[in-house]
Structures are given as C-alpha cells and as structure tokens.
Amino acid sequence: MPVQGTPDQLVGILRDTVVALVRRDGPDLSARQLGVFLTVYLGEGPHTVRGLAASLNVSKPAITRALDRLGELDFARRKTDPQDRRSVLVQRTVKGAALLREMRSIMGEAAAAPSEEQASPAATAQAANQQVATKRAG
C-alpha cells in the first residue's frame, strides 16, 4: 500500500501516533526498540539477531538490548533455531500483535483527522477565517 501525503503530513501523523502511544497506559518503546519491533512484525521472517542488525544497520549488542526490553514486555520472544543451535530466532507474540493493531488504529485516526500542526499555513488560516465567519453569522 503506497503511503500518501506530503512529508509534513506524514511527520504530523508520526508525531500524533508517538504522542498517543506515550499517553496511553502502558510502557514506552525507544526509537530503536520500535524499529526492531516493526521490522519483526512487518517484515518476512524468520528473523535473527544477525539479520536484524544487518537490516537496521546497528550492532548485534544494540539489537540484543532492544530484544531484551521487547522480551520483558512480551512483545517479542527469542528462541534457539532448532536447525542451527548457534542462531537465535526472534518470534512474534500475541501481545505484540495486539500492540501492532493498536498502532495501526492510532495511525489511521491520525491520518483521518489531521491536526493543526499537520495542516499547511494556508489551510490553517482558511480554517480560522471560516470559524470567524461562522461566529459572525451566528
């Protein structure tokens, strides 16, 4: 599905989504943890620590720290690869899938109802003028 909107609108949707995630009752994820989480849930698996490190262009210890936190929150789980016991597979969880559904819902709402910060200055001025005209008419 192609992403549509201006860069300012997309950044506004991202901001609204992050703010909603921060305000909700639950743990916050760092940008790195969120990047690992989304890569695991949106990318084709199986995922390994080595593969995630290469995909995100960060060190394996950084991936391990992010996975430690995601594991504590039950958003992801690590399992030894039965075919190569030296490799660790990263698995999705039911709780992680629920978080992804929540994020999709939040982003959908943010995209459907752009905030004033997402609107162009011209659109914001036009909306303000309409409000003034409505008050004068009423």
Protein backbone atom coordinates (compact mmCIF):
# COMPACT_ATOMS: atom_id res chain seq x y z
CA MET A 1 0.00 0.00 0.00
CA PRO A 2 1.63 3.27 -1.06
CA VAL A 3 1.98 5.99 1.52
CA GLN A 4 0.30 9.21 0.51
CA GLY A 5 0.64 12.72 1.80
CA THR A 6 3.22 15.43 1.95
CA PRO A 7 6.30 14.95 4.10
CA ASP A 8 4.86 17.44 6.61
CA GLN A 9 1.60 15.47 6.80
CA LEU A 10 3.46 12.18 7.27
CA VAL A 11 5.64 13.64 10.00
CA GLY A 12 2.49 15.00 11.65
CA ILE A 13 0.90 11.54 11.57
CA LEU A 14 4.07 10.08 13.07
CA ARG A 15 4.05 12.74 15.80
CA ASP A 16 0.38 12.17 16.62
CA THR A 17 0.97 8.42 16.73
CA VAL A 18 4.01 8.68 19.02
CA VAL A 19 2.20 11.12 21.31
CA ALA A 20 -0.81 8.76 21.52
CA LEU A 21 1.50 5.84 22.34
CA VAL A 22 3.24 7.87 25.05
CA ARG A 23 -0.08 8.98 26.56
CA ARG A 24 -1.65 5.54 26.63
CA ASP A 25 -1.46 3.37 29.70
CA GLY A 26 1.48 1.11 29.04
CA PRO A 27 5.21 1.06 28.53
CA ASP A 28 7.00 3.32 26.09
CA LEU A 29 9.38 1.99 23.47
CA SER A 30 12.53 3.78 22.38
CA ALA A 31 13.00 4.54 18.69
CA ARG A 32 15.40 1.59 18.39
CA GLN A 33 13.01 -0.78 20.17
CA LEU A 34 10.16 0.41 17.96
CA GLY A 35 12.32 -0.05 14.86
CA VAL A 36 13.17 -3.62 15.85
CA PHE A 37 9.56 -4.34 16.77
CA LEU A 38 8.20 -3.04 13.46
CA THR A 39 10.88 -4.86 11.46
CA VAL A 40 9.94 -8.14 13.14
CA TYR A 41 6.19 -7.63 12.73
CA LEU A 42 6.10 -6.12 9.26
CA GLY A 43 8.97 -7.96 7.60
CA GLU A 44 9.09 -11.50 6.30
CA GLY A 45 10.61 -13.89 8.83
CA PRO A 46 12.25 -15.76 10.22
CA HIS A 47 14.23 -13.00 11.94
CA THR A 48 17.59 -13.47 13.59
CA VAL A 49 19.64 -11.11 15.72
CA ARG A 50 22.28 -11.06 12.99
CA GLY A 51 19.68 -10.37 10.30
CA LEU A 52 18.02 -7.59 12.28
CA ALA A 53 21.39 -5.97 12.95
CA ALA A 54 22.20 -6.04 9.24
CA SER A 55 18.73 -4.84 8.22
CA LEU A 56 18.75 -1.91 10.65
CA ASN A 57 22.49 -1.24 10.26
CA VAL A 58 23.17 -1.37 14.00
CA SER A 59 25.33 -3.65 16.13
CA LYS A 60 24.19 -7.05 17.37
CA PRO A 61 24.51 -5.89 21.01
CA ALA A 62 22.13 -2.99 20.23
CA ILE A 63 19.62 -5.47 18.80
CA THR A 64 20.09 -7.71 21.84
CA ARG A 65 19.36 -4.81 24.22
CA ALA A 66 16.23 -3.88 22.24
CA LEU A 67 15.10 -7.51 22.24
CA ASP A 68 15.73 -7.74 25.99
CA ARG A 69 13.22 -4.92 26.51
CA LEU A 70 10.75 -6.29 23.96
CA GLY A 71 11.02 -9.66 25.70
CA GLU A 72 10.38 -8.12 29.13
CA LEU A 73 7.20 -6.58 27.71
CA ASP A 74 6.23 -9.84 25.92
CA PHE A 75 6.22 -8.07 22.53
CA ALA A 76 8.81 -10.48 21.09
CA ARG A 77 10.43 -13.72 22.12
CA ARG A 78 13.79 -15.31 21.30
CA LYS A 79 14.17 -18.98 20.57
CA THR A 80 17.18 -21.05 19.59
CA ASP A 81 16.98 -22.09 15.94
CA PRO A 82 16.45 -25.88 16.00
CA GLN A 83 18.30 -26.24 12.69
CA ASP A 84 21.30 -24.12 13.73
CA ARG A 85 21.69 -24.02 17.50
CA ARG A 86 24.18 -21.12 17.18
CA SER A 87 21.44 -18.89 15.77
CA VAL A 88 18.63 -17.20 17.69
CA LEU A 89 15.23 -16.67 16.06
CA VAL A 90 13.02 -13.74 17.02
CA GLN A 91 9.34 -14.60 17.24
CA ARG A 92 6.19 -12.54 17.41
CA THR A 93 3.81 -12.77 20.36
CA VAL A 94 0.08 -12.31 20.86
CA LYS A 95 0.73 -9.22 22.98
CA GLY A 96 2.99 -7.77 20.28
CA ALA A 97 0.36 -8.39 17.62
CA ALA A 98 -2.15 -6.52 19.80
CA LEU A 99 0.26 -3.57 20.06
CA LEU A 100 0.64 -3.51 16.28
CA ARG A 101 -3.17 -3.48 15.88
CA GLU A 102 -3.36 -0.59 18.35
CA MET A 103 -0.66 1.31 16.47
CA ARG A 104 -2.48 0.80 13.17
CA SER A 105 -5.68 2.13 14.72
CA ILE A 106 -3.91 5.17 16.17
CA MET A 107 -2.21 5.92 12.86
CA GLY A 108 -5.48 5.53 10.99
CA GLU A 109 -7.16 8.02 13.28
CA ALA A 110 -4.24 10.43 12.98
CA ALA A 111 -4.31 10.17 9.19
CA ALA A 112 -8.09 10.64 9.02
CA ALA A 113 -8.15 13.71 11.26
CA PRO A 114 -5.02 15.76 10.63
CA SER A 115 -4.01 18.03 13.46
CA GLU A 116 -3.42 21.75 13.00
CA GLU A 117 0.31 21.07 13.11
CA GLN A 118 -0.04 18.85 10.04
CA ALA A 119 -2.07 21.38 8.08
CA SER A 120 -0.39 23.88 5.80
CA PRO A 121 -0.31 27.51 6.95
CA ALA A 122 -2.79 28.38 4.20
CA ALA A 123 -5.19 25.65 5.30
CA THR A 124 -4.87 26.72 8.94
CA ALA A 125 -5.58 30.36 8.00
CA GLN A 126 -8.57 29.30 5.89
CA ALA A 127 -9.97 27.25 8.80
CA ALA A 128 -9.53 30.19 11.17
CA ASN A 129 -11.29 32.54 8.73
CA GLN A 130 -14.19 30.08 8.43
CA GLN A 131 -14.52 29.94 12.23
CA VAL A 132 -14.61 33.76 12.41
CA ALA A 133 -17.21 33.92 9.61
CA THR A 134 -19.34 31.28 11.36
CA LYS A 135 -19.23 33.20 14.67
CA ARG A 136 -20.22 36.44 12.92
CA ALA A 137 -23.11 34.74 11.13
CA GLY A 138 -24.35 33.07 14.31
